């Protein structure tokens, strides 16, 4: 199988009446069965034909989670077009840029976004049809249109155009093919031993690659299913998992931190759950230990990129084989560590840039050949921008980002090491450090702290705490207390935004 259509066809052939997706806490408890999913894909194809959307053209979606959103995304790819789910957290100028740059010819939009989207596309130099759709009501197009299936997409056809949410510059459009998406769906399913009776609680937004690949596509590989609330709710999370009879969870570290602040669920709320999968950003070891101890559910830590259809590293499903603090072994392809300057391989244990190669790696960045060339080594490895190392057992450890590395007095300091030390303090709920300019050392360390209610925590206490665990050189010079840390849709801390909290040259530190 090398196309999304083939994934759907096999699942339908095996269990046509089985539930593929069910609405949770919205949509009236509606379900989408596999037979209906296939029929809906055919309806979407007819609708695209009726609107004159050519094969291979980009179709954008400005929609929150819902069964209709699922159906439209899968229907667009099934019909041989390219889906472009737009990040609803984008700033207006970023969203306008995506709609213009993507060359989309049709936008499916939720009612609450319709007016804004129409305004955005009005000034474009091409005609863009705007079709208003409720995310909870699967659209039915004109049944009088021909019922024949659209021509099958080819494995190398572009199926997904997803824009990265960078902290600087304009977003880059990641081009992913039918074969990329299918390869990763099969790899995720195999990695987690997913079967037809497995169901995931799908709380991440579908406009993010994690939800798109892991909670929408991976269940198709073995005819499994997903339960979809409108959004993540820490207060309703365990009830939702129980009521929907979920067997696994897919979350990001931010969600784990919120869940840890709540009370422990009853045993009957978690009885069916096999594991919790954490992805998209590094999970602090303290949070992993805390989650497993409090909830009695094993955590499988993974990591990936939009450029690799989400996961490209995964810890084993067997708890005895996992390594705390590691993002796991290569999954779905190969991985290595290279010197960021020479691009030559680094020996086991040495720090360098993680690189990936395999059938899940993107074609490139849309209309951006320079960025595409820069993203790959001369021999075809994708450069991740992540710093880390690999141990002798093939497990990879991420210590930071190349762009976020703090260079103090010529010494490289990985921000994550300091983050994790701070998170061990009982008064720290969340923490992130960043390098700021310093006239003597080149860079100094500033820590941004979210305090935990009811626990004493001030600058002097944190400084002493860090000196004891990190030594004076790695102890932050500045501490800033904030209400929350800036994070992207995947839960990653946007460290470059923290620099804005640094004192101005005239402001005393």
Protein backbone atom coordinates (compact mmCIF):
# COMPACT_ATOMS: atom_id res chain seq x y z
CA UNK A 1 0.00 0.00 0.00
CA UNK A 2 1.40 3.35 -1.04
CA UNK A 3 -1.59 5.71 -1.15
CA UNK A 4 -4.20 6.93 1.32
CA UNK A 5 -6.90 5.54 -0.97
CA UNK A 6 -5.37 2.08 -0.63
CA UNK A 7 -5.30 2.42 3.17
CA UNK A 8 -8.99 3.28 3.21
CA UNK A 9 -9.89 0.54 0.70
CA UNK A 10 -8.23 -2.18 2.77
CA UNK A 11 -9.85 -1.00 6.00
CA UNK A 12 -13.29 -0.88 4.35
CA UNK A 13 -12.85 -4.35 2.85
CA UNK A 14 -11.93 -5.83 6.22
CA UNK A 15 -14.57 -4.24 8.48
CA UNK A 16 -17.05 -2.13 6.48
CA UNK A 17 -19.48 -1.60 9.38
CA UNK A 18 -16.84 -0.91 12.02
CA UNK A 19 -16.60 2.58 13.51
CA UNK A 20 -13.71 4.63 12.19
CA UNK A 21 -14.41 7.82 14.18
CA UNK A 22 -16.80 8.95 16.86
CA UNK A 23 -17.60 12.40 18.21
CA UNK A 24 -17.06 12.92 21.94
CA UNK A 25 -18.75 15.74 23.87
CA UNK A 26 -19.98 17.30 20.61
CA UNK A 27 -21.73 16.34 17.41
CA UNK A 28 -24.47 14.51 19.27
CA UNK A 29 -22.30 11.40 19.71
CA UNK A 30 -22.27 10.82 15.96
CA UNK A 31 -20.11 8.09 14.42
CA UNK A 32 -18.43 7.64 11.05
CA UNK A 33 -18.24 4.00 9.95
CA UNK A 34 -15.78 2.73 7.39
CA UNK A 35 -18.39 2.12 4.69
CA UNK A 36 -19.72 5.65 5.20
CA UNK A 37 -16.17 7.02 5.14
CA UNK A 38 -15.63 5.57 1.68
CA UNK A 39 -18.98 6.89 0.47
CA UNK A 40 -18.07 10.29 1.87
CA UNK A 41 -14.73 10.27 0.04
CA UNK A 42 -16.61 9.68 -3.22
CA UNK A 43 -18.96 12.54 -2.39
CA UNK A 44 -16.04 14.87 -1.68
CA UNK A 45 -14.47 13.89 -5.02
CA UNK A 46 -17.70 14.75 -6.82
CA UNK A 47 -17.89 18.09 -5.06
CA UNK A 48 -14.33 18.95 -6.02
CA UNK A 49 -15.09 18.05 -9.63
CA UNK A 50 -18.19 20.24 -9.53
CA UNK A 51 -16.09 23.19 -8.31
CA UNK A 52 -13.54 22.63 -11.07
CA UNK A 53 -10.74 21.65 -8.68
CA UNK A 54 -8.20 19.84 -10.83
CA UNK A 55 -6.28 16.73 -9.86
CA UNK A 56 -3.20 17.66 -7.86
CA UNK A 57 -4.61 21.07 -6.89
CA UNK A 58 -4.42 22.31 -3.32
CA UNK A 59 -7.57 22.41 -1.19
CA UNK A 60 -7.30 24.36 2.08
CA UNK A 61 -9.31 23.76 5.25
CA UNK A 62 -9.87 26.37 7.94
CA UNK A 63 -11.75 24.15 10.36
CA UNK A 64 -11.53 22.89 13.94
CA UNK A 65 -11.76 19.20 14.82
CA UNK A 66 -14.92 17.35 13.88
CA UNK A 67 -16.14 14.37 11.88
CA UNK A 68 -16.68 16.57 8.82
CA UNK A 69 -13.10 17.84 9.07
CA UNK A 70 -11.86 14.24 9.11
CA UNK A 71 -14.05 13.32 6.16
CA UNK A 72 -12.96 16.30 4.09
CA UNK A 73 -9.24 15.81 4.72
CA UNK A 74 -9.40 12.13 3.78
CA UNK A 75 -11.76 12.80 0.89
CA UNK A 76 -9.43 15.40 -0.63
CA UNK A 77 -6.48 12.98 -0.54
CA UNK A 78 -8.60 10.03 -1.70
CA UNK A 79 -9.62 12.11 -4.71
CA UNK A 80 -6.03 12.82 -5.73
CA UNK A 81 -5.94 16.41 -4.55
CA UNK A 82 -3.62 17.95 -1.96
CA UNK A 83 -4.98 18.83 1.50
CA UNK A 84 -3.79 21.98 3.23
CA UNK A 85 -5.11 22.18 6.83
CA UNK A 86 -4.52 25.72 8.07
CA UNK A 87 -3.37 26.37 11.62
CA UNK A 88 -6.22 28.15 13.43
CA UNK A 89 -3.73 29.67 15.87
CA UNK A 90 -1.97 31.55 13.09
CA UNK A 91 -1.83 35.31 13.19
CA UNK A 92 -4.10 36.86 10.51
CA UNK A 93 -1.15 37.84 8.32
CA UNK A 94 0.29 34.31 8.54
CA UNK A 95 -3.04 32.73 7.60
CA UNK A 96 -3.41 35.12 4.69
CA UNK A 97 0.12 34.23 3.59
CA UNK A 98 -0.64 30.48 3.68
CA UNK A 99 -3.84 30.88 1.66
CA UNK A 100 -1.99 32.95 -0.92
CA UNK A 101 1.27 30.97 -1.07
CA UNK A 102 -0.40 27.54 -1.21
CA UNK A 103 -2.12 28.30 -4.56
CA UNK A 104 -5.31 26.76 -3.18
CA UNK A 105 -8.34 27.01 -5.44
CA UNK A 106 -10.95 26.07 -2.84
CA UNK A 107 -11.22 26.54 0.93
CA UNK A 108 -13.52 24.55 3.20
CA UNK A 109 -14.21 26.83 6.15
CA UNK A 110 -16.13 26.58 9.43
CA UNK A 111 -18.95 29.12 9.80
CA UNK A 112 -17.18 31.17 12.48
CA UNK A 113 -14.19 31.65 10.16
CA UNK A 114 -16.08 32.21 6.91
CA UNK A 115 -16.17 36.01 6.95
CA UNK A 116 -12.48 36.37 7.77
CA UNK A 117 -11.42 33.85 5.14
CA UNK A 118 -13.53 35.50 2.43
CA UNK A 119 -11.84 38.80 3.24
CA UNK A 120 -8.41 37.15 3.03
CA UNK A 121 -8.94 35.58 -0.40
CA UNK A 122 -10.78 38.53 -1.95
CA UNK A 123 -7.58 40.35 -2.86
CA UNK A 124 -5.76 37.31 -4.31
CA UNK A 125 -4.81 37.25 -7.99
CA UNK A 126 -6.66 33.99 -8.56
CA UNK A 127 -10.22 32.91 -7.92
CA UNK A 128 -10.67 30.92 -4.70
CA UNK A 129 -14.00 29.25 -3.93
CA UNK A 130 -15.03 29.38 -0.26
CA UNK A 131 -17.31 26.54 0.88
CA UNK A 132 -18.80 26.90 4.35
CA UNK A 133 -19.06 23.61 6.26
CA UNK A 134 -19.98 22.79 9.84
CA UNK A 135 -17.16 20.66 11.29
CA UNK A 136 -19.69 18.31 12.90
CA UNK A 137 -21.92 17.72 9.85
CA UNK A 138 -20.42 15.66 7.04
CA UNK A 139 -21.32 17.50 3.80
CA UNK A 140 -23.42 15.81 1.13
CA UNK A 141 -22.83 17.01 -2.41
CA UNK A 142 -25.16 16.69 -5.37
CA UNK A 143 -26.08 13.01 -5.80
CA UNK A 144 -27.02 13.70 -9.41
CA UNK A 145 -23.34 13.96 -10.29
CA UNK A 146 -21.65 10.88 -11.82
CA UNK A 147 -20.96 8.15 -9.26
CA UNK A 148 -17.75 6.86 -10.82
CA UNK A 149 -14.62 6.92 -8.67
CA UNK A 150 -12.08 9.62 -9.37
CA UNK A 151 -8.85 8.34 -10.93
CA UNK A 152 -6.62 6.82 -8.28
CA UNK A 153 -3.79 9.02 -7.00
CA UNK A 154 -0.21 7.93 -7.61
CA UNK A 155 2.21 7.25 -4.72
CA UNK A 156 4.39 10.23 -5.65
CA UNK A 157 1.46 12.66 -5.88
CA UNK A 158 1.54 15.45 -3.31
CA UNK A 159 -1.16 14.66 -0.74
CA UNK A 160 -0.47 17.11 2.08
CA UNK A 161 0.86 20.66 2.16
CA UNK A 162 1.38 21.64 5.78
CA UNK A 163 2.98 24.90 6.81
CA UNK A 164 5.44 24.97 9.68
CA UNK A 165 4.88 27.51 12.42
CA UNK A 166 8.30 29.08 12.78
CA UNK A 167 9.04 31.82 15.29
CA UNK A 168 10.79 33.98 12.69
CA UNK A 169 10.14 34.63 9.02
CA UNK A 170 7.23 33.30 7.01
CA UNK A 171 5.99 29.71 7.38
CA UNK A 172 7.43 27.07 5.04
CA UNK A 173 5.09 24.69 3.19
CA UNK A 174 6.15 21.07 3.71
CA UNK A 175 5.29 18.86 0.71
CA UNK A 176 4.34 15.30 1.66
CA UNK A 177 3.35 12.64 -0.84
CA UNK A 178 0.78 9.87 -0.73
CA UNK A 179 3.66 7.42 -0.23
CA UNK A 180 5.12 9.50 2.63
CA UNK A 181 1.82 9.49 4.52
CA UNK A 182 1.10 5.82 3.94
CA UNK A 183 4.59 4.67 4.94
CA UNK A 184 4.35 6.51 8.24
CA UNK A 185 0.83 5.29 9.01
CA UNK A 186 2.03 1.72 8.60
CA UNK A 187 5.17 2.40 10.68
CA UNK A 188 3.21 3.97 13.55
CA UNK A 189 0.75 1.09 13.57
CA UNK A 190 3.56 -1.46 13.68
CA UNK A 191 5.55 0.47 16.30
CA UNK A 192 2.62 0.57 18.72
CA UNK A 193 1.16 -2.86 17.79
CA UNK A 194 -2.17 -1.27 16.89
CA UNK A 195 -5.05 -3.53 15.98
CA UNK A 196 -8.63 -3.31 14.82
CA UNK A 197 -9.92 -3.01 18.38
CA UNK A 198 -7.64 -0.14 19.35
CA UNK A 199 -9.10 3.34 19.72
CA UNK A 200 -7.19 6.56 20.39
CA UNK A 201 -8.45 9.64 22.20
CA UNK A 202 -7.79 12.30 19.55
CA UNK A 203 -7.42 15.58 21.45
CA UNK A 204 -4.82 17.26 19.21
CA UNK A 205 -5.91 19.60 16.38
CA UNK A 206 -5.98 18.07 12.91
CA UNK A 207 -4.13 21.05 11.47
CA UNK A 208 -1.05 19.76 13.31
CA UNK A 209 1.03 16.95 11.80
CA UNK A 210 0.88 14.83 14.96
CA UNK A 211 -2.89 14.55 14.95
CA UNK A 212 -3.02 14.28 11.16
CA UNK A 213 -0.58 11.36 11.00
CA UNK A 214 -1.04 9.59 14.31
CA UNK A 215 -4.71 9.94 15.23
CA UNK A 216 -6.25 10.22 11.75
CA UNK A 217 -4.10 8.06 9.45
CA UNK A 218 -2.48 5.44 11.70
CA UNK A 219 -5.81 3.79 12.74
CA UNK A 220 -6.57 3.18 9.06
CA UNK A 221 -3.63 0.78 8.80
CA UNK A 222 -5.40 -1.96 10.78
CA UNK A 223 -8.99 -0.74 10.78
CA UNK A 224 -8.83 0.86 14.22
CA UNK A 225 -10.66 3.98 15.34
CA UNK A 226 -10.45 7.35 17.03
CA UNK A 227 -12.62 9.27 19.48
CA UNK A 228 -12.58 13.02 18.85
CA UNK A 229 -13.52 15.72 21.36
CA UNK A 230 -13.72 19.30 20.04
CA UNK A 231 -10.53 20.15 21.96
CA UNK A 232 -8.35 19.07 24.86
CA UNK A 233 -9.91 19.39 28.31
CA UNK A 234 -7.92 18.28 31.35
CA UNK A 235 -11.13 18.26 33.41
CA UNK A 236 -12.95 15.92 30.97
CA UNK A 237 -9.98 13.89 29.71
CA UNK A 238 -10.33 10.73 31.80
CA UNK A 239 -14.12 10.63 31.47
CA UNK A 240 -13.75 10.94 27.70
CA UNK A 241 -11.21 8.10 27.57
CA UNK A 242 -13.52 5.84 29.58
CA UNK A 243 -16.79 6.74 27.84
CA UNK A 244 -15.25 6.26 24.37
CA UNK A 245 -13.57 2.98 25.42
CA UNK A 246 -10.15 4.20 24.30
CA UNK A 247 -7.15 1.88 24.46
CA UNK A 248 -4.38 4.45 23.94
CA UNK A 249 -3.67 8.15 24.24
CA UNK A 250 -1.76 10.57 22.01
CA UNK A 251 -0.73 13.82 23.70
CA UNK A 252 2.02 16.43 23.83
CA UNK A 253 4.08 17.29 26.95
CA UNK A 254 2.05 20.42 27.72
CA UNK A 255 -1.06 18.26 28.11
CA UNK A 256 0.78 15.89 30.42
CA UNK A 257 1.75 18.81 32.65
CA UNK A 258 -1.90 19.94 32.84
CA UNK A 259 -3.08 16.41 33.64
CA UNK A 260 -0.50 16.11 36.41
CA UNK A 261 -2.03 19.17 38.08
CA UNK A 262 -5.41 17.40 38.30
CA UNK A 263 -6.57 14.58 40.50
CA UNK A 264 -5.84 10.94 39.72
CA UNK A 265 -8.59 9.18 37.73
CA UNK A 266 -10.54 6.23 39.03
CA UNK A 267 -9.33 2.80 37.98
CA UNK A 268 -12.46 2.27 35.88
CA UNK A 269 -11.58 5.40 33.89
CA UNK A 270 -8.22 3.99 32.78
CA UNK A 271 -8.85 0.24 32.77
CA UNK A 272 -8.73 -0.14 28.98
CA UNK A 273 -5.71 2.09 28.35
CA UNK A 274 -2.59 0.25 27.12
CA UNK A 275 -0.22 3.20 26.88
CA UNK A 276 0.12 6.96 26.50
CA UNK A 277 2.13 8.28 23.60
CA UNK A 278 3.95 11.59 24.06
CA UNK A 279 5.24 13.42 21.01
CA UNK A 280 6.18 16.68 19.26
CA UNK A 281 8.39 18.09 22.01
CA UNK A 282 10.79 16.68 24.58
CA UNK A 283 9.05 15.32 27.69
CA UNK A 284 10.90 16.23 30.90
CA UNK A 285 11.85 13.01 32.77
CA UNK A 286 10.21 14.35 35.94
CA UNK A 287 6.89 14.61 34.11
CA UNK A 288 7.24 11.12 32.63
CA UNK A 289 7.93 9.61 36.05
CA UNK A 290 5.12 11.62 37.60
CA UNK A 291 2.59 10.57 34.96
CA UNK A 292 3.38 6.87 35.26
CA UNK A 293 3.37 7.00 39.06
CA UNK A 294 0.14 9.01 39.37
CA UNK A 295 -1.93 7.42 36.60
CA UNK A 296 -0.42 3.94 36.30
CA UNK A 297 -0.12 4.23 32.52
CA UNK A 298 3.17 3.68 30.70
CA UNK A 299 4.46 6.53 28.54
CA UNK A 300 5.99 5.88 25.12
CA UNK A 301 8.08 8.92 24.24
CA UNK A 302 8.48 9.68 20.54
CA UNK A 303 9.67 12.56 18.37
CA UNK A 304 9.29 13.71 14.80
CA UNK A 305 8.88 16.66 12.48
CA UNK A 306 6.33 17.93 10.02
CA UNK A 307 9.01 17.13 7.43
CA UNK A 308 8.87 13.42 8.40
CA UNK A 309 5.07 13.10 8.79
CA UNK A 310 5.47 13.35 12.58
CA UNK A 311 7.22 10.45 14.34
CA UNK A 312 10.68 9.42 13.21
CA UNK A 313 11.87 8.23 16.62
CA UNK A 314 10.02 6.04 19.10
CA UNK A 315 10.70 4.20 22.30
CA UNK A 316 9.68 0.52 22.33
CA UNK A 317 6.20 -0.44 23.46
CA UNK A 318 7.69 -2.77 26.08
CA UNK A 319 8.32 -0.65 29.23
CA UNK A 320 11.38 -2.72 30.12
CA UNK A 321 13.09 -1.68 26.88
CA UNK A 322 12.43 2.07 27.07
CA UNK A 323 15.08 4.58 28.09
CA UNK A 324 14.16 7.53 30.27
CA UNK A 325 15.03 10.85 28.62
CA UNK A 326 15.41 9.30 25.17
CA UNK A 327 13.15 9.96 22.19
CA UNK A 328 13.76 6.34 21.23
CA UNK A 329 15.23 4.56 18.25
CA UNK A 330 14.73 5.41 14.58
CA UNK A 331 11.19 4.56 13.48
CA UNK A 332 10.01 4.21 9.89
CA UNK A 333 13.45 4.98 8.49
CA UNK A 334 17.07 5.61 9.45
CA UNK A 335 18.65 8.21 11.75
CA UNK A 336 22.19 9.32 12.47
CA UNK A 337 24.14 12.12 14.14
CA UNK A 338 26.28 14.44 12.02
CA UNK A 339 28.62 17.31 12.73
CA UNK A 340 26.58 20.46 12.04
CA UNK A 341 29.53 22.16 10.33
CA UNK A 342 31.11 19.34 8.30
CA UNK A 343 28.00 17.12 7.96
CA UNK A 344 30.23 14.12 8.68
CA UNK A 345 28.99 11.30 10.97
CA UNK A 346 29.63 11.64 14.71
CA UNK A 347 30.67 8.63 16.80
CA UNK A 348 28.27 7.07 19.33
CA UNK A 349 27.98 9.33 22.35
CA UNK A 350 29.20 12.42 20.53
CA UNK A 351 26.90 15.45 20.22
CA UNK A 352 25.82 16.66 16.82
CA UNK A 353 22.78 17.32 14.64
CA UNK A 354 20.22 14.55 14.22
CA UNK A 355 19.56 13.58 10.60
CA UNK A 356 16.88 11.31 9.10
CA UNK A 357 16.43 9.34 5.90
CA UNK A 358 13.55 7.13 4.77
CA UNK A 359 10.24 6.78 2.90
CA UNK A 360 8.51 9.20 5.28
CA UNK A 361 10.79 12.16 4.53
CA UNK A 362 9.26 15.12 2.68
CA UNK A 363 9.72 15.94 -0.98
CA UNK A 364 10.79 19.48 -0.03
CA UNK A 365 9.45 22.94 0.74
CA UNK A 366 6.81 24.33 -1.60
CA UNK A 367 8.17 26.98 -3.98
CA UNK A 368 11.32 27.29 -1.87
CA UNK A 369 14.25 25.48 -3.53
CA UNK A 370 16.86 27.27 -1.41
CA UNK A 371 15.32 26.08 1.86
CA UNK A 372 14.91 22.59 0.40
CA UNK A 373 18.59 22.39 -0.53
CA UNK A 374 19.63 23.65 2.89
CA UNK A 375 17.44 21.05 4.61
CA UNK A 376 19.33 18.07 3.16
CA UNK A 377 22.91 16.87 3.31
CA UNK A 378 24.60 16.18 -0.06
CA UNK A 379 23.91 12.44 0.37
CA UNK A 380 20.20 12.91 1.06
CA UNK A 381 19.81 13.01 4.84
CA UNK A 382 17.23 15.45 6.24
CA UNK A 383 18.79 17.83 8.75
CA UNK A 384 16.46 18.18 11.75
CA UNK A 385 18.08 21.17 13.46
CA UNK A 386 17.98 19.16 16.71
CA UNK A 387 21.12 18.63 18.76
CA UNK A 388 21.65 15.31 20.42
CA UNK A 389 23.53 12.04 20.58
CA UNK A 390 23.02 8.31 20.07
CA UNK A 391 24.06 5.64 22.53
CA UNK A 392 25.46 2.21 21.77
CA UNK A 393 21.96 0.66 21.78
CA UNK A 394 20.71 2.95 19.03
CA UNK A 395 18.65 5.22 21.31
CA UNK A 396 18.70 8.94 20.51
CA UNK A 397 18.76 11.74 23.07
CA UNK A 398 17.83 15.34 22.17
CA UNK A 399 19.58 18.10 24.08
CA UNK A 400 18.37 21.20 22.25
CA UNK A 401 18.05 23.05 18.96
CA UNK A 402 20.95 24.37 16.94
CA UNK A 403 19.34 27.82 16.83
CA UNK A 404 18.65 27.75 20.58
CA UNK A 405 22.05 26.55 21.74
CA UNK A 406 23.49 28.89 24.38
CA UNK A 407 27.18 29.67 23.82
CA UNK A 408 28.54 31.16 27.04
CA UNK A 409 32.23 32.05 27.02
CA UNK A 410 32.80 29.63 24.16
CA UNK A 411 31.10 26.70 25.92
CA UNK A 412 27.99 25.13 24.40
CA UNK A 413 25.11 24.80 26.87
CA UNK A 414 21.96 22.87 26.00
CA UNK A 415 18.86 24.68 27.32
CA UNK A 416 17.03 21.43 28.04
CA UNK A 417 19.57 20.42 30.70
CA UNK A 418 18.77 23.56 32.69
CA UNK A 419 15.01 23.27 32.03
CA UNK A 420 14.97 19.79 33.50
CA UNK A 421 16.92 20.85 36.58
CA UNK A 422 14.49 23.70 37.26
CA UNK A 423 11.47 21.43 36.83
CA UNK A 424 12.71 19.34 39.72
CA UNK A 425 12.05 22.24 42.11
CA UNK A 426 8.66 21.72 43.81
CA UNK A 427 7.70 25.35 43.28
CA UNK A 428 8.24 25.28 39.50
CA UNK A 429 5.28 24.35 37.31
CA UNK A 430 6.96 25.15 33.99
CA UNK A 431 10.37 26.48 32.96
CA UNK A 432 12.46 27.33 29.94
CA UNK A 433 15.82 29.03 29.53
CA UNK A 434 17.25 31.08 26.68
CA UNK A 435 20.53 32.78 25.84
CA UNK A 436 20.64 36.56 26.00
CA UNK A 437 23.45 38.95 24.96
CA UNK A 438 26.23 39.55 27.48
CA UNK A 439 29.24 41.86 26.99
CA UNK A 440 31.66 39.53 28.78
CA UNK A 441 30.56 36.01 27.91
CA UNK A 442 28.83 36.65 24.57
CA UNK A 443 25.70 35.06 25.99
CA UNK A 444 24.27 34.59 29.45
CA UNK A 445 21.39 32.41 30.64
CA UNK A 446 17.92 33.71 31.45
CA UNK A 447 15.30 31.44 32.99
CA UNK A 448 11.57 32.04 32.60
CA UNK A 449 9.56 30.39 35.36
CA UNK A 450 5.86 29.60 35.86
CA UNK A 451 5.36 29.14 39.61
CA UNK A 452 3.21 26.43 41.15
CA UNK A 453 0.46 27.82 43.39
CA UNK A 454 0.92 27.29 47.09
CA UNK A 455 4.64 26.45 47.02
CA UNK A 456 7.36 28.91 47.99
CA UNK A 457 9.57 29.85 45.06
CA UNK A 458 11.70 32.96 44.60
CA UNK A 459 14.86 33.92 42.75
CA UNK A 460 17.24 33.24 45.63
CA UNK A 461 15.80 29.77 46.20
CA UNK A 462 16.04 28.89 42.51
CA UNK A 463 19.58 30.21 42.21
CA UNK A 464 20.75 28.07 45.14
CA UNK A 465 18.87 25.10 43.71
CA UNK A 466 20.58 25.44 40.31
CA UNK A 467 24.06 25.98 41.77
CA UNK A 468 23.70 22.73 43.67
CA UNK A 469 22.58 20.73 40.63
CA UNK A 470 24.26 22.47 37.71
CA UNK A 471 27.20 24.39 39.11
CA UNK A 472 27.67 28.14 38.96
CA UNK A 473 28.58 28.32 35.27
CA UNK A 474 25.25 26.87 34.10
CA UNK A 475 23.12 28.62 36.73
CA UNK A 476 20.93 31.29 35.09
CA UNK A 477 22.04 34.87 35.61
CA UNK A 478 18.47 36.18 35.31
CA UNK A 479 15.12 34.80 36.44
CA UNK A 480 11.84 36.07 35.06
CA UNK A 481 8.50 34.91 36.52
CA UNK A 482 5.70 34.66 33.97
CA UNK A 483 2.10 33.46 33.87
CA UNK A 484 2.77 31.06 30.99
CA UNK A 485 5.42 30.18 28.44
CA UNK A 486 4.86 30.92 24.74
CA UNK A 487 4.23 27.65 22.93
CA UNK A 488 3.40 26.62 19.40
CA UNK A 489 0.48 24.32 18.48
CA UNK A 490 2.63 21.21 19.07
CA UNK A 491 3.43 22.30 22.62
CA UNK A 492 7.03 23.27 21.91
CA UNK A 493 8.30 26.28 23.82
CA UNK A 494 9.05 29.15 21.44
CA UNK A 495 12.32 30.13 23.08
CA UNK A 496 13.12 32.97 20.73
CA UNK A 497 10.04 34.80 22.04
CA UNK A 498 11.47 34.56 25.55
CA UNK A 499 14.31 36.86 24.52
CA UNK A 500 11.78 39.70 24.55
CA UNK A 501 11.63 39.32 28.35
CA UNK A 502 15.31 40.18 28.71
CA UNK A 503 16.13 43.60 30.17
CA UNK A 504 16.94 46.40 27.78
CA UNK A 505 20.51 47.76 27.79
CA UNK A 506 19.44 50.61 30.10
CA UNK A 507 17.38 48.37 32.38
CA UNK A 508 19.28 46.93 35.38
CA UNK A 509 19.41 43.13 35.48
